[in-house]
Amino acid sequence: MTENDKGLKPTRISELVVLAAVAAVATWILIRVFYGSMPPIPVYAGASLYFVAVAEAVFAFVIRSRVKNRQVGDGLRQLHPITAARALALAKASALVGSATVGVWVGVLVYLIPQRSVLQAAASDTPGAWVGLGAAIALVAAALWLEHCCKTPEDTPDEPAH
């Protein structure tokens, strides 16, 4: 079961952008109010999302290969349709989480960058925010790639439908 089988619509980039923008504004407001009472942002704060992004990208290539070679089914070396549906659900959820996280890190950076010359803490926190932003962008990209790879291929006229 893939995206086309149930009529699910692909994730819209515009929805992800709106989610990121709302998260950025909300985070910027919260950071302005509470920055003085927050703990420091370590450089590796958002780095865990890189591991998730890599795992999803690898999974996407496996699924893409199986779908392209029409190895979808319940056989031993085939991609089970339930696995494809779960991968699609993971991709859609990861795109949303990644987009919200992009917004959070953008909101943090919008506050920190102008404050770096005034606050030593802001200068120290900025590298961690950049790492987190990069990881969140990587997660969104991997999630969208995984979602794309879960699509069923279009039947060509010379091939019978399965």
C-alpha atoms as a PDB file:
ATOM      1  CA  MET A   1       0.000   0.000   0.000  1.00  0.00           C
ATOM      2  CA  THR A   2       1.558   3.200  -1.056  1.00  0.00           C
ATOM      3  CA  GLU A   3       0.581   6.789  -1.476  1.00  0.00           C
ATOM      4  CA  ASN A   4      -1.322   6.281  -4.710  1.00  0.00           C
ATOM      5  CA  ASP A   5      -3.218   3.207  -3.488  1.00  0.00           C
ATOM      6  CA  LYS A   6      -5.269   5.013  -0.852  1.00  0.00           C
ATOM      7  CA  GLY A   7      -5.511   8.388  -2.538  1.00  0.00           C
ATOM      8  CA  LEU A   8      -3.206  10.034  -0.016  1.00  0.00           C
ATOM      9  CA  LYS A   9      -1.910  13.327  -1.210  1.00  0.00           C
ATOM     10  CA  PRO A  10       1.807  14.085  -1.225  1.00  0.00           C
ATOM     11  CA  THR A  11       3.074  16.366   1.507  1.00  0.00           C
ATOM     12  CA  ARG A  12       2.785  19.946   0.325  1.00  0.00           C
ATOM     13  CA  ILE A  13       5.874  22.103   0.625  1.00  0.00           C
ATOM     14  CA  SER A  14       3.639  25.096   1.342  1.00  0.00           C
ATOM     15  CA  GLU A  15       2.232  23.348   4.431  1.00  0.00           C
ATOM     16  CA  LEU A  16       5.744  22.633   5.679  1.00  0.00           C
ATOM     17  CA  VAL A  17       6.769  26.262   5.112  1.00  0.00           C
ATOM     18  CA  VAL A  18       3.735  27.548   7.023  1.00  0.00           C
ATOM     19  CA  LEU A  19       4.441  25.154   9.903  1.00  0.00           C
ATOM     20  CA  ALA A  20       8.089  26.257  10.010  1.00  0.00           C
ATOM     21  CA  ALA A  21       7.088  29.936   9.958  1.00  0.00           C
ATOM     22  CA  VAL A  22       4.596  29.523  12.815  1.00  0.00           C
ATOM     23  CA  ALA A  23       7.169  27.598  14.853  1.00  0.00           C
ATOM     24  CA  ALA A  24       9.808  30.246  14.137  1.00  0.00           C
ATOM     25  CA  VAL A  25       7.615  33.122  15.295  1.00  0.00           C
ATOM     26  CA  ALA A  26       6.462  31.272  18.417  1.00  0.00           C
ATOM     27  CA  THR A  27      10.025  30.280  19.293  1.00  0.00           C
ATOM     28  CA  TRP A  28      11.358  33.790  18.717  1.00  0.00           C
ATOM     29  CA  ILE A  29       8.721  35.181  21.102  1.00  0.00           C
ATOM     30  CA  LEU A  30       9.501  32.549  23.740  1.00  0.00           C
ATOM     31  CA  ILE A  31      13.270  33.034  23.398  1.00  0.00           C
ATOM     32  CA  ARG A  32      12.905  36.805  23.795  1.00  0.00           C
ATOM     33  CA  VAL A  33      11.014  36.290  27.044  1.00  0.00           C
ATOM     34  CA  PHE A  34      12.895  33.342  28.548  1.00  0.00           C
ATOM     35  CA  TYR A  35      16.421  33.405  27.099  1.00  0.00           C
ATOM     36  CA  GLY A  36      18.015  34.554  30.342  1.00  0.00           C
ATOM     37  CA  SER A  37      16.684  31.534  32.237  1.00  0.00           C
ATOM     38  CA  MET A  38      17.476  28.917  29.591  1.00  0.00           C
ATOM     39  CA  PRO A  39      20.395  26.494  29.821  1.00  0.00           C
ATOM     40  CA  PRO A  40      23.144  26.833  27.205  1.00  0.00           C
ATOM     41  CA  ILE A  41      22.619  25.219  23.806  1.00  0.00           C
ATOM     42  CA  PRO A  42      25.327  22.583  23.275  1.00  0.00           C
ATOM     43  CA  VAL A  43      26.800  22.205  19.794  1.00  0.00           C
ATOM     44  CA  TYR A  44      25.343  18.706  19.488  1.00  0.00           C
ATOM     45  CA  ALA A  45      21.825  19.736  20.645  1.00  0.00           C
ATOM     46  CA  GLY A  46      20.057  19.001  17.365  1.00  0.00           C
ATOM     47  CA  ALA A  47      22.569  16.582  15.888  1.00  0.00           C
ATOM     48  CA  SER A  48      20.480  13.480  16.660  1.00  0.00           C
ATOM     49  CA  LEU A  49      18.213  14.331  13.741  1.00  0.00           C
ATOM     50  CA  TYR A  50      21.131  13.686  11.379  1.00  0.00           C
ATOM     51  CA  PHE A  51      21.005  10.004  12.333  1.00  0.00           C
ATOM     52  CA  VAL A  52      17.270   9.832  11.662  1.00  0.00           C
ATOM     53  CA  ALA A  53      17.748  11.617   8.331  1.00  0.00           C
ATOM     54  CA  VAL A  54      20.462   9.177   7.252  1.00  0.00           C
ATOM     55  CA  ALA A  55      18.353   6.184   8.284  1.00  0.00           C
ATOM     56  CA  GLU A  56      15.376   7.478   6.310  1.00  0.00           C
ATOM     57  CA  ALA A  57      17.522   8.207   3.260  1.00  0.00           C
ATOM     58  CA  VAL A  58      18.946   4.670   3.303  1.00  0.00           C
ATOM     59  CA  PHE A  59      15.458   3.239   3.759  1.00  0.00           C
ATOM     60  CA  ALA A  60      14.280   5.364   0.816  1.00  0.00           C
ATOM     61  CA  PHE A  61      16.919   3.895  -1.491  1.00  0.00           C
ATOM     62  CA  VAL A  62      15.957   0.345  -0.470  1.00  0.00           C
ATOM     63  CA  ILE A  63      12.272   1.023  -1.049  1.00  0.00           C
ATOM     64  CA  ARG A  64      12.969   2.820  -4.322  1.00  0.00           C
ATOM     65  CA  SER A  65      14.928  -0.173  -5.604  1.00  0.00           C
ATOM     66  CA  ARG A  66      12.218  -2.644  -4.625  1.00  0.00           C
ATOM     67  CA  VAL A  67       9.392  -0.552  -6.074  1.00  0.00           C
ATOM     68  CA  LYS A  68      11.314   0.133  -9.289  1.00  0.00           C
ATOM     69  CA  ASN A  69      12.035  -3.581  -9.757  1.00  0.00           C
ATOM     70  CA  ARG A  70       8.428  -4.429  -8.887  1.00  0.00           C
ATOM     71  CA  GLN A  71       9.520  -6.440  -5.867  1.00  0.00           C
ATOM     72  CA  VAL A  72       6.514  -5.511  -3.762  1.00  0.00           C
ATOM     73  CA  GLY A  73       4.565  -8.336  -2.203  1.00  0.00           C
ATOM     74  CA  ASP A  74       4.774 -10.828   0.611  1.00  0.00           C
ATOM     75  CA  GLY A  75       7.646 -12.907  -0.786  1.00  0.00           C
ATOM     76  CA  LEU A  76      10.975 -13.452   0.943  1.00  0.00           C
ATOM     77  CA  ARG A  77      12.980 -10.766  -0.928  1.00  0.00           C
ATOM     78  CA  GLN A  78      10.033  -8.468  -1.534  1.00  0.00           C
ATOM     79  CA  LEU A  79       8.940  -5.264   0.109  1.00  0.00           C
ATOM     80  CA  HIS A  80       5.772  -6.027   2.026  1.00  0.00           C
ATOM     81  CA  PRO A  81       2.981  -3.530   1.279  1.00  0.00           C
ATOM     82  CA  ILE A  82       2.487  -2.881   5.007  1.00  0.00           C
ATOM     83  CA  THR A  83       6.168  -1.939   5.267  1.00  0.00           C
ATOM     84  CA  ALA A  84       5.705   0.526   2.409  1.00  0.00           C
ATOM     85  CA  ALA A  85       2.657   2.015   4.144  1.00  0.00           C
ATOM     86  CA  ARG A  86       4.587   2.338   7.405  1.00  0.00           C
ATOM     87  CA  ALA A  87       7.473   3.979   5.582  1.00  0.00           C
ATOM     88  CA  LEU A  88       5.045   6.450   4.044  1.00  0.00           C
ATOM     89  CA  ALA A  89       3.574   7.250   7.468  1.00  0.00           C
ATOM     90  CA  LEU A  90       7.095   7.697   8.860  1.00  0.00           C
ATOM     91  CA  ALA A  91       7.994  10.005   5.984  1.00  0.00           C
ATOM     92  CA  LYS A  92       4.922  12.184   6.424  1.00  0.00           C
ATOM     93  CA  ALA A  93       5.422  12.438  10.197  1.00  0.00           C
ATOM     94  CA  SER A  94       9.145  13.149   9.835  1.00  0.00           C
ATOM     95  CA  ALA A  95       8.488  15.910   7.314  1.00  0.00           C
ATOM     96  CA  LEU A  96       6.170  17.612   9.801  1.00  0.00           C
ATOM     97  CA  VAL A  97       8.511  17.150  12.772  1.00  0.00           C
ATOM     98  CA  GLY A  98      11.479  18.299  10.715  1.00  0.00           C
ATOM     99  CA  SER A  99       9.614  21.345   9.448  1.00  0.00           C
ATOM    100  CA  ALA A 100       8.554  22.371  12.951  1.00  0.00           C
ATOM    101  CA  THR A 101      12.126  21.851  14.132  1.00  0.00           C
ATOM    102  CA  VAL A 102      13.438  24.001  11.272  1.00  0.00           C
ATOM    103  CA  GLY A 103      11.112  26.721  12.507  1.00  0.00           C
ATOM    104  CA  VAL A 104      12.297  26.361  16.085  1.00  0.00           C
ATOM    105  CA  TRP A 105      15.963  26.669  15.120  1.00  0.00           C
ATOM    106  CA  VAL A 106      15.228  29.589  12.791  1.00  0.00           C
ATOM    107  CA  GLY A 107      13.415  31.348  15.630  1.00  0.00           C
ATOM    108  CA  VAL A 108      16.370  30.725  17.925  1.00  0.00           C
ATOM    109  CA  LEU A 109      18.847  32.008  15.335  1.00  0.00           C
ATOM    110  CA  VAL A 110      16.779  35.099  14.553  1.00  0.00           C
ATOM    111  CA  TYR A 111      17.093  35.995  18.228  1.00  0.00           C
ATOM    112  CA  LEU A 112      20.722  34.901  18.728  1.00  0.00           C
ATOM    113  CA  ILE A 113      22.444  36.396  15.694  1.00  0.00           C
ATOM    114  CA  PRO A 114      21.770  40.058  16.564  1.00  0.00           C
ATOM    115  CA  GLN A 115      22.563  39.377  20.240  1.00  0.00           C
ATOM    116  CA  ARG A 116      26.009  37.824  19.641  1.00  0.00           C
ATOM    117  CA  SER A 117      27.826  41.142  19.952  1.00  0.00           C
ATOM    118  CA  VAL A 118      25.954  41.983  23.165  1.00  0.00           C
ATOM    119  CA  LEU A 119      25.620  38.651  24.969  1.00  0.00           C
ATOM    120  CA  GLN A 120      28.452  36.139  25.312  1.00  0.00           C
ATOM    121  CA  ALA A 121      25.847  33.399  25.856  1.00  0.00           C
ATOM    122  CA  ALA A 122      24.282  34.175  22.474  1.00  0.00           C
ATOM    123  CA  ALA A 123      27.659  33.831  20.771  1.00  0.00           C
ATOM    124  CA  SER A 124      28.189  30.474  22.510  1.00  0.00           C
ATOM    125  CA  ASP A 125      24.714  29.195  21.647  1.00  0.00           C
ATOM    126  CA  THR A 126      24.794  30.081  17.954  1.00  0.00           C
ATOM    127  CA  PRO A 127      26.878  27.088  16.697  1.00  0.00           C
ATOM    128  CA  GLY A 128      24.488  24.616  18.351  1.00  0.00           C
ATOM    129  CA  ALA A 129      21.539  26.328  16.722  1.00  0.00           C
ATOM    130  CA  TRP A 130      23.201  26.104  13.286  1.00  0.00           C
ATOM    131  CA  VAL A 131      23.886  22.380  13.791  1.00  0.00           C
ATOM    132  CA  GLY A 132      20.270  21.850  14.827  1.00  0.00           C
ATOM    133  CA  LEU A 133      18.984  23.777  11.821  1.00  0.00           C
ATOM    134  CA  GLY A 134      21.131  21.726   9.454  1.00  0.00           C
ATOM    135  CA  ALA A 135      19.901  18.481  11.001  1.00  0.00           C
ATOM    136  CA  ALA A 136      16.275  19.574  10.773  1.00  0.00           C
ATOM    137  CA  ILE A 137      16.667  20.518   7.101  1.00  0.00           C
ATOM    138  CA  ALA A 138      18.337  17.153   6.447  1.00  0.00           C
ATOM    139  CA  LEU A 139      15.396  15.392   8.113  1.00  0.00           C
ATOM    140  CA  VAL A 140      12.838  17.227   5.971  1.00  0.00           C
ATOM    141  CA  ALA A 141      14.806  16.420   2.819  1.00  0.00           C
ATOM    142  CA  ALA A 142      15.166  12.737   3.740  1.00  0.00           C
ATOM    143  CA  ALA A 143      11.493  12.499   4.667  1.00  0.00           C
ATOM    144  CA  LEU A 144      10.371  14.005   1.368  1.00  0.00           C
ATOM    145  CA  TRP A 145      12.709  11.661  -0.510  1.00  0.00           C
ATOM    146  CA  LEU A 146      11.341   8.653   1.397  1.00  0.00           C
ATOM    147  CA  GLU A 147       7.783   9.746   0.645  1.00  0.00           C
ATOM    148  CA  HIS A 148       8.662  10.105  -3.037  1.00  0.00           C
ATOM    149  CA  CYS A 149      10.205   6.628  -3.096  1.00  0.00           C
ATOM    150  CA  CYS A 150       7.018   5.103  -1.669  1.00  0.00           C
ATOM    151  CA  LYS A 151       4.983   6.060  -4.739  1.00  0.00           C
ATOM    152  CA  THR A 152       3.818   3.255  -6.935  1.00  0.00           C
ATOM    153  CA  PRO A 153       5.264   3.479 -10.431  1.00  0.00           C
ATOM    154  CA  GLU A 154       2.938   4.333 -13.242  1.00  0.00           C
ATOM    155  CA  ASP A 155       2.049   1.337 -15.389  1.00  0.00           C
ATOM    156  CA  THR A 156       3.471   1.630 -18.877  1.00  0.00           C
ATOM    157  CA  PRO A 157       1.206   0.700 -21.816  1.00  0.00           C
ATOM    158  CA  ASP A 158       3.355  -2.318 -22.742  1.00  0.00           C
ATOM    159  CA  GLU A 159       3.202  -3.813 -19.236  1.00  0.00           C
ATOM    160  CA  PRO A 160       0.135  -5.485 -17.790  1.00  0.00           C
ATOM    161  CA  ALA A 161      -1.209  -4.016 -14.555  1.00  0.00           C
ATOM    162  CA  HIS A 162      -0.432  -6.098 -11.451  1.00  0.00           C
END
